[in-house]
Full PDB file with SEQRES, HELIX, SHEET, SSBOND, CRYST1, ORIGX, SCALE, CONECT and MASTER records, all heavy atoms in Angstrom:
SEQRES   1 A   37  LYS ALA ILE ILE GLU GLY VAL GLU GLU ALA ARG ASP LEU          
SEQRES   2 A   37  TYR PRO ASP LEU THR PHE ASP LEU TYR GLY ASN PRO ASP          
SEQRES   3 A   37  LYS ILE LYS ALA VAL ILE THR ASN GLN ASP ARG                  
HELIX    1 AA1 ALA A    2  LEU A   13  1                                  12    
HELIX    2 AA2 PRO A   25  LYS A   29  1                                   5    
CRYST1    1.000    1.000    1.000  90.00  90.00  90.00 P 1           1          
ORIGX1      1.000000  0.000000  0.000000        0.00000                         
ORIGX2      0.000000  1.000000  0.000000        0.00000                         
ORIGX3      0.000000  0.000000  1.000000        0.00000                         
SCALE1      1.000000  0.000000  0.000000        0.00000                         
SCALE2      0.000000  1.000000  0.000000        0.00000                         
SCALE3      0.000000  0.000000  1.000000        0.00000                         
ATOM      1  N   LYS A   1      13.826  -3.605   9.018  1.00  0.00           N  
ATOM      2  CA  LYS A   1      13.499  -2.606  10.042  1.00  0.00           C  
ATOM      3  C   LYS A   1      13.071  -1.265   9.441  1.00  0.00           C  
ATOM      4  O   LYS A   1      11.987  -0.752   9.745  1.00  0.00           O  
ATOM      5  CB  LYS A   1      14.696  -2.410  10.968  1.00  0.00           C  
ATOM      6  CG  LYS A   1      14.404  -1.536  12.190  1.00  0.00           C  
ATOM      7  CD  LYS A   1      15.608  -1.494  13.128  1.00  0.00           C  
ATOM      8  CE  LYS A   1      15.257  -0.774  14.428  1.00  0.00           C  
ATOM      9  NZ  LYS A   1      14.953   0.649  14.218  1.00  0.00           N  
ATOM     10  N   ALA A   2      13.914  -0.683   8.581  1.00  0.00           N  
ATOM     11  CA  ALA A   2      13.599   0.633   8.022  1.00  0.00           C  
ATOM     12  C   ALA A   2      12.359   0.573   7.140  1.00  0.00           C  
ATOM     13  O   ALA A   2      11.558   1.518   7.104  1.00  0.00           O  
ATOM     14  CB  ALA A   2      14.792   1.168   7.228  1.00  0.00           C  
ATOM     15  N   ILE A   3      12.191  -0.541   6.428  1.00  0.00           N  
ATOM     16  CA  ILE A   3      11.030  -0.689   5.543  1.00  0.00           C  
ATOM     17  C   ILE A   3       9.745  -0.699   6.365  1.00  0.00           C  
ATOM     18  O   ILE A   3       8.788   0.038   6.070  1.00  0.00           O  
ATOM     19  CB  ILE A   3      11.133  -1.981   4.707  1.00  0.00           C  
ATOM     20  CG1 ILE A   3      12.473  -2.043   3.947  1.00  0.00           C  
ATOM     21  CG2 ILE A   3       9.946  -2.089   3.748  1.00  0.00           C  
ATOM     22  CD1 ILE A   3      12.682  -0.902   2.977  1.00  0.00           C  
ATOM     23  N   ILE A   4       9.715  -1.504   7.410  1.00  0.00           N  
ATOM     24  CA  ILE A   4       8.512  -1.620   8.225  1.00  0.00           C  
ATOM     25  C   ILE A   4       8.227  -0.316   8.974  1.00  0.00           C  
ATOM     26  O   ILE A   4       7.076   0.119   9.072  1.00  0.00           O  
ATOM     27  CB  ILE A   4       8.632  -2.792   9.220  1.00  0.00           C  
ATOM     28  CG1 ILE A   4       8.892  -4.109   8.465  1.00  0.00           C  
ATOM     29  CG2 ILE A   4       7.380  -2.898  10.072  1.00  0.00           C  
ATOM     30  CD1 ILE A   4       7.875  -4.433   7.403  1.00  0.00           C  
ATOM     31  N   GLU A   5       9.263   0.316   9.496  1.00  0.00           N  
ATOM     32  CA  GLU A   5       9.069   1.594  10.190  1.00  0.00           C  
ATOM     33  C   GLU A   5       8.451   2.631   9.251  1.00  0.00           C  
ATOM     34  O   GLU A   5       7.530   3.363   9.628  1.00  0.00           O  
ATOM     35  CB  GLU A   5      10.399   2.106  10.743  1.00  0.00           C  
ATOM     36  CG  GLU A   5      10.905   1.322  11.950  1.00  0.00           C  
ATOM     37  CD  GLU A   5      12.262   1.814  12.429  1.00  0.00           C  
ATOM     38  OE1 GLU A   5      12.852   2.705  11.761  1.00  0.00           O  
ATOM     39  OE2 GLU A   5      12.740   1.326  13.464  1.00  0.00           O  
ATOM     40  N   GLY A   6       8.959   2.706   8.024  1.00  0.00           N  
ATOM     41  CA  GLY A   6       8.420   3.652   7.057  1.00  0.00           C  
ATOM     42  C   GLY A   6       6.998   3.319   6.655  1.00  0.00           C  
ATOM     43  O   GLY A   6       6.153   4.212   6.500  1.00  0.00           O  
ATOM     44  N   VAL A   7       6.724   2.032   6.484  1.00  0.00           N  
ATOM     45  CA  VAL A   7       5.370   1.592   6.147  1.00  0.00           C  
ATOM     46  C   VAL A   7       4.397   1.962   7.266  1.00  0.00           C  
ATOM     47  O   VAL A   7       3.286   2.451   7.011  1.00  0.00           O  
ATOM     48  CB  VAL A   7       5.350   0.071   5.882  1.00  0.00           C  
ATOM     49  CG1 VAL A   7       3.922  -0.467   5.903  1.00  0.00           C  
ATOM     50  CG2 VAL A   7       6.018  -0.249   4.543  1.00  0.00           C  
ATOM     51  N   GLU A   8       4.804   1.737   8.510  1.00  0.00           N  
ATOM     52  CA  GLU A   8       3.918   2.065   9.627  1.00  0.00           C  
ATOM     53  C   GLU A   8       3.667   3.569   9.729  1.00  0.00           C  
ATOM     54  O   GLU A   8       2.554   4.009  10.041  1.00  0.00           O  
ATOM     55  CB  GLU A   8       4.501   1.518  10.931  1.00  0.00           C  
ATOM     56  CG  GLU A   8       4.457  -0.002  11.003  1.00  0.00           C  
ATOM     57  CD  GLU A   8       4.546  -0.520  12.422  1.00  0.00           C  
ATOM     58  OE1 GLU A   8       3.503  -0.545  13.092  1.00  0.00           O  
ATOM     59  OE2 GLU A   8       5.653  -0.887  12.856  1.00  0.00           O  
ATOM     60  N   GLU A   9       4.687   4.371   9.464  1.00  0.00           N  
ATOM     61  CA  GLU A   9       4.496   5.824   9.459  1.00  0.00           C  
ATOM     62  C   GLU A   9       3.498   6.232   8.374  1.00  0.00           C  
ATOM     63  O   GLU A   9       2.619   7.073   8.599  1.00  0.00           O  
ATOM     64  CB  GLU A   9       5.833   6.529   9.244  1.00  0.00           C  
ATOM     65  CG  GLU A   9       6.771   6.460  10.446  1.00  0.00           C  
ATOM     66  CD  GLU A   9       8.063   7.209  10.201  1.00  0.00           C  
ATOM     67  OE1 GLU A   9       8.089   8.108   9.333  1.00  0.00           O  
ATOM     68  OE2 GLU A   9       9.068   6.899  10.877  1.00  0.00           O  
ATOM     69  N   ALA A  10       3.644   5.647   7.182  1.00  0.00           N  
ATOM     70  CA  ALA A  10       2.720   5.955   6.082  1.00  0.00           C  
ATOM     71  C   ALA A  10       1.317   5.451   6.393  1.00  0.00           C  
ATOM     72  O   ALA A  10       0.319   6.134   6.114  1.00  0.00           O  
ATOM     73  CB  ALA A  10       3.238   5.325   4.789  1.00  0.00           C  
ATOM     74  N   ARG A  11       1.206   4.269   6.972  1.00  0.00           N  
ATOM     75  CA  ARG A  11      -0.089   3.700   7.358  1.00  0.00           C  
ATOM     76  C   ARG A  11      -0.832   4.627   8.321  1.00  0.00           C  
ATOM     77  O   ARG A  11      -2.035   4.849   8.189  1.00  0.00           O  
ATOM     78  CB  ARG A  11       0.157   2.325   7.991  1.00  0.00           C  
ATOM     79  CG  ARG A  11      -1.084   1.496   8.327  1.00  0.00           C  
ATOM     80  CD  ARG A  11      -1.480   1.531   9.795  1.00  0.00           C  
ATOM     81  NE  ARG A  11      -0.446   1.733  10.768  1.00  0.00           N  
ATOM     82  CZ  ARG A  11       0.240   0.756  11.361  1.00  0.00           C  
ATOM     83  NH1 ARG A  11       0.016  -0.495  11.079  1.00  0.00           N  
ATOM     84  NH2 ARG A  11       1.155   1.058  12.289  1.00  0.00           N  
ATOM     85  N   ASP A  12      -0.076   5.188   9.272  1.00  0.00           N  
ATOM     86  CA  ASP A  12      -0.694   6.078  10.253  1.00  0.00           C  
ATOM     87  C   ASP A  12      -1.115   7.412   9.632  1.00  0.00           C  
ATOM     88  O   ASP A  12      -2.047   8.059  10.119  1.00  0.00           O  
ATOM     89  CB  ASP A  12       0.278   6.323  11.409  1.00  0.00           C  
ATOM     90  CG  ASP A  12       0.553   5.051  12.208  1.00  0.00           C  
ATOM     91  OD1 ASP A  12      -0.243   4.097  12.103  1.00  0.00           O  
ATOM     92  OD2 ASP A  12       1.574   5.017  12.927  1.00  0.00           O  
ATOM     93  N   LEU A  13      -0.443   7.807   8.556  1.00  0.00           N  
ATOM     94  CA  LEU A  13      -0.782   9.063   7.876  1.00  0.00           C  
ATOM     95  C   LEU A  13      -1.980   8.912   6.947  1.00  0.00           C  
ATOM     96  O   LEU A  13      -2.772   9.846   6.789  1.00  0.00           O  
ATOM     97  CB  LEU A  13       0.411   9.557   7.046  1.00  0.00           C  
ATOM     98  CG  LEU A  13       1.499  10.362   7.744  1.00  0.00           C  
ATOM     99  CD1 LEU A  13       2.634  10.656   6.765  1.00  0.00           C  
ATOM    100  CD2 LEU A  13       0.933  11.668   8.297  1.00  0.00           C  
ATOM    101  N   TYR A  14      -2.096   7.736   6.317  1.00  0.00           N  
ATOM    102  CA  TYR A  14      -3.080   7.556   5.245  1.00  0.00           C  
ATOM    103  C   TYR A  14      -4.031   6.406   5.556  1.00  0.00           C  
ATOM    104  O   TYR A  14      -3.697   5.230   5.332  1.00  0.00           O  
ATOM    105  CB  TYR A  14      -2.358   7.291   3.918  1.00  0.00           C  
ATOM    106  CG  TYR A  14      -1.361   8.361   3.550  1.00  0.00           C  
ATOM    107  CD1 TYR A  14       0.000   8.063   3.437  1.00  0.00           C  
ATOM    108  CD2 TYR A  14      -1.764   9.668   3.312  1.00  0.00           C  
ATOM    109  CE1 TYR A  14       0.921   9.045   3.097  1.00  0.00           C  
ATOM    110  CE2 TYR A  14      -0.853  10.657   2.973  1.00  0.00           C  
ATOM    111  CZ  TYR A  14       0.485  10.339   2.864  1.00  0.00           C  
ATOM    112  OH  TYR A  14       1.390  11.315   2.529  1.00  0.00           O  
ATOM    113  N   PRO A  15      -5.233   6.708   6.044  1.00  0.00           N  
ATOM    114  CA  PRO A  15      -6.204   5.660   6.386  1.00  0.00           C  
ATOM    115  C   PRO A  15      -6.685   4.857   5.185  1.00  0.00           C  
ATOM    116  O   PRO A  15      -7.271   3.782   5.371  1.00  0.00           O  
ATOM    117  CB  PRO A  15      -7.364   6.450   7.010  1.00  0.00           C  
ATOM    118  CG  PRO A  15      -6.794   7.771   7.394  1.00  0.00           C  
ATOM    119  CD  PRO A  15      -5.723   8.046   6.402  1.00  0.00           C  
ATOM    120  N   ASP A  16      -6.472   5.364   3.957  1.00  0.00           N  
ATOM    121  CA  ASP A  16      -6.966   4.674   2.765  1.00  0.00           C  
ATOM    122  C   ASP A  16      -5.964   3.673   2.199  1.00  0.00           C  
ATOM    123  O   ASP A  16      -6.198   3.092   1.139  1.00  0.00           O  
ATOM    124  CB  ASP A  16      -7.361   5.688   1.682  1.00  0.00           C  
ATOM    125  CG  ASP A  16      -6.239   6.669   1.337  1.00  0.00           C  
ATOM    126  OD1 ASP A  16      -5.157   6.593   1.960  1.00  0.00           O  
ATOM    127  OD2 ASP A  16      -6.462   7.525   0.451  1.00  0.00           O  
ATOM    128  N   LEU A  17      -4.845   3.447   2.897  1.00  0.00           N  
ATOM    129  CA  LEU A  17      -3.838   2.504   2.414  1.00  0.00           C  
ATOM    130  C   LEU A  17      -3.786   1.244   3.265  1.00  0.00           C  
ATOM    131  O   LEU A  17      -3.912   1.301   4.488  1.00  0.00           O  
ATOM    132  CB  LEU A  17      -2.441   3.144   2.415  1.00  0.00           C  
ATOM    133  CG  LEU A  17      -2.166   4.283   1.438  1.00  0.00           C  
ATOM    134  CD1 LEU A  17      -0.718   4.745   1.582  1.00  0.00           C  
ATOM    135  CD2 LEU A  17      -2.463   3.871   0.006  1.00  0.00           C  
ATOM    136  N   THR A  18      -3.602   0.104   2.581  1.00  0.00           N  
ATOM    137  CA  THR A  18      -3.279  -1.151   3.256  1.00  0.00           C  
ATOM    138  C   THR A  18      -2.014  -1.709   2.617  1.00  0.00           C  
ATOM    139  O   THR A  18      -1.660  -1.360   1.490  1.00  0.00           O  
ATOM    140  CB  THR A  18      -4.416  -2.182   3.136  1.00  0.00           C  
ATOM    141  OG1 THR A  18      -4.628  -2.487   1.750  1.00  0.00           O  
ATOM    142  CG2 THR A  18      -5.697  -1.643   3.736  1.00  0.00           C  
ATOM    143  N   PHE A  19      -1.347  -2.612   3.328  1.00  0.00           N  
ATOM    144  CA  PHE A  19      -0.050  -3.101   2.870  1.00  0.00           C  
ATOM    145  C   PHE A  19       0.059  -4.613   3.006  1.00  0.00           C  
ATOM    146  O   PHE A  19      -0.307  -5.168   4.041  1.00  0.00           O  
ATOM    147  CB  PHE A  19       1.082  -2.455   3.675  1.00  0.00           C  
ATOM    148  CG  PHE A  19       1.119  -0.956   3.586  1.00  0.00           C  
ATOM    149  CD1 PHE A  19       0.377  -0.179   4.472  1.00  0.00           C  
ATOM    150  CD2 PHE A  19       1.880  -0.318   2.621  1.00  0.00           C  
ATOM    151  CE1 PHE A  19       0.400   1.205   4.397  1.00  0.00           C  
ATOM    152  CE2 PHE A  19       1.906   1.066   2.536  1.00  0.00           C  
ATOM    153  CZ  PHE A  19       1.166   1.828   3.429  1.00  0.00           C  
ATOM    154  N   ASP A  20       0.559  -5.257   1.962  1.00  0.00           N  
ATOM    155  CA  ASP A  20       0.970  -6.650   2.031  1.00  0.00           C  
ATOM    156  C   ASP A  20       2.489  -6.670   2.083  1.00  0.00           C  
ATOM    157  O   ASP A  20       3.159  -6.161   1.166  1.00  0.00           O  
ATOM    158  CB  ASP A  20       0.466  -7.432   0.809  1.00  0.00           C  
ATOM    159  CG  ASP A  20      -1.016  -7.739   0.891  1.00  0.00           C  
ATOM    160  OD1 ASP A  20      -1.620  -7.494   1.954  1.00  0.00           O  
ATOM    161  OD2 ASP A  20      -1.579  -8.222  -0.115  1.00  0.00           O  
ATOM    162  N   LEU A  21       3.043  -7.252   3.142  1.00  0.00           N  
ATOM    163  CA  LEU A  21       4.485  -7.263   3.366  1.00  0.00           C  
ATOM    164  C   LEU A  21       5.042  -8.629   2.997  1.00  0.00           C  
ATOM    165  O   LEU A  21       4.732  -9.638   3.649  1.00  0.00           O  
ATOM    166  CB  LEU A  21       4.786  -6.955   4.833  1.00  0.00           C  
ATOM    167  CG  LEU A  21       4.124  -5.688   5.401  1.00  0.00           C  
ATOM    168  CD1 LEU A  21       4.389  -5.587   6.900  1.00  0.00           C  
ATOM    169  CD2 LEU A  21       4.618  -4.452   4.678  1.00  0.00           C  
ATOM    170  N   TYR A  22       5.865  -8.682   1.960  1.00  0.00           N  
ATOM    171  CA  TYR A  22       6.398  -9.941   1.450  1.00  0.00           C  
ATOM    172  C   TYR A  22       7.794 -10.185   2.013  1.00  0.00           C  
ATOM    173  O   TYR A  22       8.668  -9.326   1.924  1.00  0.00           O  
ATOM    174  CB  TYR A  22       6.449  -9.919  -0.083  1.00  0.00           C  
ATOM    175  CG  TYR A  22       5.079  -9.986  -0.713  1.00  0.00           C  
ATOM    176  CD1 TYR A  22       4.265  -8.863  -0.786  1.00  0.00           C  
ATOM    177  CD2 TYR A  22       4.582 -11.194  -1.216  1.00  0.00           C  
ATOM    178  CE1 TYR A  22       2.994  -8.925  -1.338  1.00  0.00           C  
ATOM    179  CE2 TYR A  22       3.312 -11.268  -1.767  1.00  0.00           C  
ATOM    180  CZ  TYR A  22       2.529 -10.130  -1.829  1.00  0.00           C  
ATOM    181  OH  TYR A  22       1.268 -10.196  -2.384  1.00  0.00           O  
ATOM    182  N   GLY A  23       7.978 -11.388   2.600  1.00  0.00           N  
ATOM    183  CA  GLY A  23       9.291 -11.710   3.132  1.00  0.00           C  
ATOM    184  C   GLY A  23       9.232 -12.749   4.219  1.00  0.00           C  
ATOM    185  O   GLY A  23       8.264 -13.512   4.347  1.00  0.00           O  
ATOM    186  N   ASN A  24      10.285 -12.766   5.040  1.00  0.00           N  
ATOM    187  CA  ASN A  24      10.420 -13.724   6.136  1.00  0.00           C  
ATOM    188  C   ASN A  24       9.534 -13.292   7.308  1.00  0.00           C  
ATOM    189  O   ASN A  24       9.764 -12.242   7.913  1.00  0.00           O  
ATOM    190  CB  ASN A  24      11.893 -13.764   6.582  1.00  0.00           C  
ATOM    191  CG  ASN A  24      12.154 -14.776   7.676  1.00  0.00           C  
ATOM    192  OD1 ASN A  24      11.455 -14.815   8.670  1.00  0.00           O  
ATOM    193  ND2 ASN A  24      13.187 -15.582   7.493  1.00  0.00           N  
ATOM    194  N   PRO A  25       8.506 -14.076   7.640  1.00  0.00           N  
ATOM    195  CA  PRO A  25       7.552 -13.661   8.685  1.00  0.00           C  
ATOM    196  C   PRO A  25       8.200 -13.380  10.032  1.00  0.00           C  
ATOM    197  O   PRO A  25       7.818 -12.418  10.717  1.00  0.00           O  
ATOM    198  CB  PRO A  25       6.584 -14.836   8.769  1.00  0.00           C  
ATOM    199  CG  PRO A  25       6.711 -15.538   7.463  1.00  0.00           C  
ATOM    200  CD  PRO A  25       8.137 -15.373   7.048  1.00  0.00           C  
ATOM    201  N   ASP A  26       9.167 -14.198  10.416  1.00  0.00           N  
ATOM    202  CA  ASP A  26       9.799 -14.010  11.727  1.00  0.00           C  
ATOM    203  C   ASP A  26      10.535 -12.674  11.798  1.00  0.00           C  
ATOM    204  O   ASP A  26      10.446 -11.946  12.791  1.00  0.00           O  
ATOM    205  CB  ASP A  26      10.761 -15.160  12.028  1.00  0.00           C  
ATOM    206  CG  ASP A  26      10.038 -16.493  12.194  1.00  0.00           C  
ATOM    207  OD1 ASP A  26       8.852 -16.472  12.595  1.00  0.00           O  
ATOM    208  OD2 ASP A  26      10.654 -17.541  11.916  1.00  0.00           O  
ATOM    209  N   LYS A  27      11.265 -12.351  10.737  1.00  0.00           N  
ATOM    210  CA  LYS A  27      12.006 -11.086  10.717  1.00  0.00           C  
ATOM    211  C   LYS A  27      11.072  -9.888  10.644  1.00  0.00           C  
ATOM    212  O   LYS A  27      11.323  -8.839  11.258  1.00  0.00           O  
ATOM    213  CB  LYS A  27      12.982 -11.067   9.535  1.00  0.00           C  
ATOM    214  CG  LYS A  27      14.118 -12.067   9.659  1.00  0.00           C  
ATOM    215  CD  LYS A  27      15.065 -11.974   8.466  1.00  0.00           C  
ATOM    216  CE  LYS A  27      16.217 -12.958   8.601  1.00  0.00           C  
ATOM    217  NZ  LYS A  27      17.147 -12.878   7.424  1.00  0.00           N  
ATOM    218  N   ILE A  28       9.982 -10.028   9.917  1.00  0.00           N  
ATOM    219  CA  ILE A  28       9.028  -8.919   9.777  1.00  0.00           C  
ATOM    220  C   ILE A  28       8.282  -8.691  11.094  1.00  0.00           C  
ATOM    221  O   ILE A  28       8.163  -7.558  11.570  1.00  0.00           O  
ATOM    222  CB  ILE A  28       8.042  -9.202   8.629  1.00  0.00           C  
ATOM    223  CG1 ILE A  28       8.789  -9.230   7.284  1.00  0.00           C  
ATOM    224  CG2 ILE A  28       6.942  -8.146   8.596  1.00  0.00           C  
ATOM    225  CD1 ILE A  28       7.932  -9.681   6.119  1.00  0.00           C  
ATOM    226  N   LYS A  29       7.776  -9.765  11.693  1.00  0.00           N  
ATOM    227  CA  LYS A  29       7.028  -9.630  12.946  1.00  0.00           C  
ATOM    228  C   LYS A  29       7.870  -8.996  14.049  1.00  0.00           C  
ATOM    229  O   LYS A  29       7.353  -8.269  14.895  1.00  0.00           O  
ATOM    230  CB  LYS A  29       6.543 -11.011  13.411  1.00  0.00           C  
ATOM    231  CG  LYS A  29       5.400 -11.581  12.586  1.00  0.00           C  
ATOM    232  CD  LYS A  29       5.043 -12.975  13.071  1.00  0.00           C  
ATOM    233  CE  LYS A  29       3.952 -13.608  12.205  1.00  0.00           C  
ATOM    234  NZ  LYS A  29       3.670 -14.992  12.633  1.00  0.00           N  
ATOM    235  N   ALA A  30       9.172  -9.271  14.024  1.00  0.00           N  
ATOM    236  CA  ALA A  30      10.047  -8.775  15.083  1.00  0.00           C  
ATOM    237  C   ALA A  30      10.143  -7.254  15.117  1.00  0.00           C  
ATOM    238  O   ALA A  30      10.485  -6.674  16.160  1.00  0.00           O  
ATOM    239  CB  ALA A  30      11.446  -9.370  14.906  1.00  0.00           C  
ATOM    240  N   VAL A  31       9.820  -6.575  13.999  1.00  0.00           N  
ATOM    241  CA  VAL A  31       9.963  -5.114  13.963  1.00  0.00           C  
ATOM    242  C   VAL A  31       8.632  -4.379  13.835  1.00  0.00           C  
ATOM    243  O   VAL A  31       8.592  -3.153  13.869  1.00  0.00           O  
ATOM    244  CB  VAL A  31      10.921  -4.676  12.830  1.00  0.00           C  
ATOM    245  CG1 VAL A  31      12.337  -5.114  13.141  1.00  0.00           C  
ATOM    246  CG2 VAL A  31      10.489  -5.229  11.480  1.00  0.00           C  
ATOM    247  N   ILE A  32       7.533  -5.122  13.679  1.00  0.00           N  
ATOM    248  CA  ILE A  32       6.214  -4.479  13.606  1.00  0.00           C  
ATOM    249  C   ILE A  32       5.761  -4.063  15.008  1.00  0.00           C  
ATOM    250  O   ILE A  32       5.841  -4.843  15.947  1.00  0.00           O  
ATOM    251  CB  ILE A  32       5.169  -5.429  12.982  1.00  0.00           C  
ATOM    252  CG1 ILE A  32       5.438  -5.608  11.483  1.00  0.00           C  
ATOM    253  CG2 ILE A  32       3.762  -4.876  13.177  1.00  0.00           C  
ATOM    254  CD1 ILE A  32       4.480  -6.573  10.808  1.00  0.00           C  
ATOM    255  N   THR A  33       5.293  -2.841  15.131  1.00  0.00           N  
ATOM    256  CA  THR A  33       4.765  -2.376  16.418  1.00  0.00           C  
ATOM    257  C   THR A  33       3.244  -2.413  16.461  1.00  0.00           C  
ATOM    258  O   THR A  33       2.656  -2.504  17.530  1.00  0.00           O  
ATOM    259  CB  THR A  33       5.237  -0.935  16.714  1.00  0.00           C  
ATOM    260  OG1 THR A  33       4.792  -0.066  15.662  1.00  0.00           O  
ATOM    261  CG2 THR A  33       6.757  -0.871  16.790  1.00  0.00           C  
ATOM    262  N   ASN A  34       2.601  -2.334  15.290  1.00  0.00           N  
ATOM    263  CA  ASN A  34       1.138  -2.340  15.211  1.00  0.00           C  
ATOM    264  C   ASN A  34       0.757  -2.955  13.867  1.00  0.00           C  
ATOM    265  O   ASN A  34       1.092  -2.409  12.823  1.00  0.00           O  
ATOM    266  CB  ASN A  34       0.609  -0.911  15.332  1.00  0.00           C  
ATOM    267  CG  ASN A  34      -0.896  -0.820  15.128  1.00  0.00           C  
ATOM    268  OD1 ASN A  34      -1.583  -1.824  14.940  1.00  0.00           O  
ATOM    269  ND2 ASN A  34      -1.420   0.398  15.159  1.00  0.00           N  
ATOM    270  N   GLN A  35       0.060  -4.069  13.880  1.00  0.00           N  
ATOM    271  CA  GLN A  35      -0.212  -4.793  12.635  1.00  0.00           C  
ATOM    272  C   GLN A  35      -1.486  -4.328  11.930  1.00  0.00           C  
ATOM    273  O   GLN A  35      -1.919  -4.938  10.949  1.00  0.00           O  
ATOM    274  CB  GLN A  35      -0.264  -6.304  12.898  1.00  0.00           C  
ATOM    275  CG  GLN A  35       0.005  -7.118  11.632  1.00  0.00           C  
ATOM    276  CD  GLN A  35       0.369  -8.559  11.920  1.00  0.00           C  
ATOM    277  OE1 GLN A  35       0.917  -8.883  12.967  1.00  0.00           O  
ATOM    278  NE2 GLN A  35       0.057  -9.444  10.973  1.00  0.00           N  
ATOM    279  N   ASP A  36      -2.068  -3.240  12.375  1.00  0.00           N  
ATOM    280  CA  ASP A  36      -3.267  -2.711  11.736  1.00  0.00           C  
ATOM    281  C   ASP A  36      -3.002  -2.418  10.258  1.00  0.00           C  
ATOM    282  O   ASP A  36      -2.061  -1.716   9.910  1.00  0.00           O  
ATOM    283  CB  ASP A  36      -3.704  -1.426  12.450  1.00  0.00           C  
ATOM    284  CG  ASP A  36      -4.982  -0.849  11.857  1.00  0.00           C  
ATOM    285  OD1 ASP A  36      -5.883  -1.637  11.508  1.00  0.00           O  
ATOM    286  OD2 ASP A  36      -5.076   0.388  11.740  1.00  0.00           O  
ATOM    287  N   ARG A  37      -3.837  -2.963   9.377  1.00  0.00           N  
ATOM    288  CA  ARG A  37      -3.759  -2.798   7.926  1.00  0.00           C  
ATOM    289  C   ARG A  37      -2.444  -3.289   7.320  1.00  0.00           C  
ATOM    290  O   ARG A  37      -2.054  -2.868   6.246  1.00  0.00           O  
ATOM    291  CB  ARG A  37      -4.025  -1.338   7.527  1.00  0.00           C  
ATOM    292  CG  ARG A  37      -5.498  -0.957   7.646  1.00  0.00           C  
ATOM    293  CD  ARG A  37      -5.777   0.454   7.171  1.00  0.00           C  
ATOM    294  NE  ARG A  37      -5.450   1.434   8.182  1.00  0.00           N  
ATOM    295  CZ  ARG A  37      -4.681   2.482   7.988  1.00  0.00           C  
ATOM    296  NH1 ARG A  37      -4.143   2.700   6.809  1.00  0.00           N  
ATOM    297  NH2 ARG A  37      -4.454   3.345   8.964  1.00  0.00           N  
TER     298      ARG A  37                                                      
MASTER        0    0    0    2    0    0    0    6  297    1    0    3          
END                                                                             
């Protein structure tokens, strides 16, 4: 949860960044609010 929230905040701040999120897809998808980049 905290990892994805922080990543999304950084993603929204920096248009030049993309992220590959490694882990359990079900747990990750459950906390993502916007999958852009």
